[in-house]
Amino acid sequence: MIPGRMTTTLNSIDRMFLKIRELIDTDDSIPLELRASLHTTLDRHLRLAKEGFFKTPVRSQ
């Protein structure tokens, strides 16, 4: 089970990436053919962010 603080951080990461996705989809200055590439890049960065998050040692307080 993931501790509450970690869950909160993961939810924050997910919300941040969701906001970026919304921006990609709603910004008319981004060409349609570029949007799929941006989403693919975003998916990769999200995966790497989560992998890095779980590799970071948890400090007890």
Protein backbone atom coordinates (compact mmCIF):
# COMPACT_ATOMS: atom_id res chain seq x y z
CA MET A 1 0.00 0.00 0.00
CA ILE A 2 1.23 3.50 -0.81
CA PRO A 3 1.42 5.96 2.12
CA GLY A 4 -0.94 8.95 2.01
CA ARG A 5 1.79 11.50 1.32
CA MET A 6 3.03 9.52 -1.69
CA THR A 7 -0.52 9.15 -3.00
CA THR A 8 -1.01 12.91 -2.72
CA THR A 9 2.21 13.53 -4.65
CA LEU A 10 1.26 11.04 -7.36
CA ASN A 11 -2.16 12.66 -7.68
CA SER A 12 -0.47 16.05 -8.04
CA ILE A 13 1.76 14.71 -10.81
CA ASP A 14 -1.26 13.23 -12.60
CA ARG A 15 -3.21 16.51 -12.31
CA MET A 16 -0.28 18.50 -13.68
CA PHE A 17 0.00 16.22 -16.72
CA LEU A 18 -3.78 16.29 -17.20
CA LYS A 19 -3.69 20.10 -17.32
CA ILE A 20 -0.92 19.98 -19.93
CA ARG A 21 -3.00 17.50 -21.97
CA GLU A 22 -5.98 19.85 -21.81
CA LEU A 23 -3.80 22.69 -23.02
CA ILE A 24 -2.52 20.59 -25.93
CA ASP A 25 -6.08 19.67 -26.92
CA THR A 26 -7.61 23.13 -26.60
CA ASP A 27 -4.87 25.45 -27.87
CA ASP A 28 -5.75 26.32 -31.46
CA SER A 29 -2.18 27.40 -32.18
CA ILE A 30 -1.01 23.76 -31.92
CA PRO A 31 -1.50 22.00 -35.26
CA LEU A 32 -3.56 18.80 -35.13
CA GLU A 33 -0.72 16.72 -36.58
CA LEU A 34 1.57 17.84 -33.73
CA ARG A 35 -0.85 17.00 -30.92
CA ALA A 36 -0.40 13.21 -31.13
CA SER A 37 3.37 13.63 -30.95
CA LEU A 38 3.04 15.92 -27.93
CA HIS A 39 0.78 13.42 -26.16
CA THR A 40 3.27 10.62 -26.87
CA THR A 41 6.10 12.71 -25.45
CA LEU A 42 3.97 13.61 -22.44
CA ASP A 43 3.18 9.92 -21.81
CA ARG A 44 6.89 9.12 -21.83
CA HIS A 45 7.70 11.92 -19.40
CA LEU A 46 4.86 10.91 -17.10
CA ARG A 47 6.11 7.33 -17.04
CA LEU A 48 9.67 8.49 -16.32
CA ALA A 49 8.45 10.84 -13.57
CA LYS A 50 6.58 8.03 -11.86
CA GLU A 51 9.50 5.62 -12.23
CA GLY A 52 11.82 8.22 -10.70
CA PHE A 53 9.34 8.86 -7.91
CA PHE A 54 9.29 5.20 -6.92
CA LYS A 55 13.09 4.91 -7.09
CA THR A 56 13.52 7.76 -4.62
CA PRO A 57 14.11 6.38 -1.11
CA VAL A 58 11.33 7.19 1.34
CA ARG A 59 12.55 9.03 4.42
CA SER A 60 10.78 8.37 7.67
CA GLN A 61 9.98 11.32 9.87
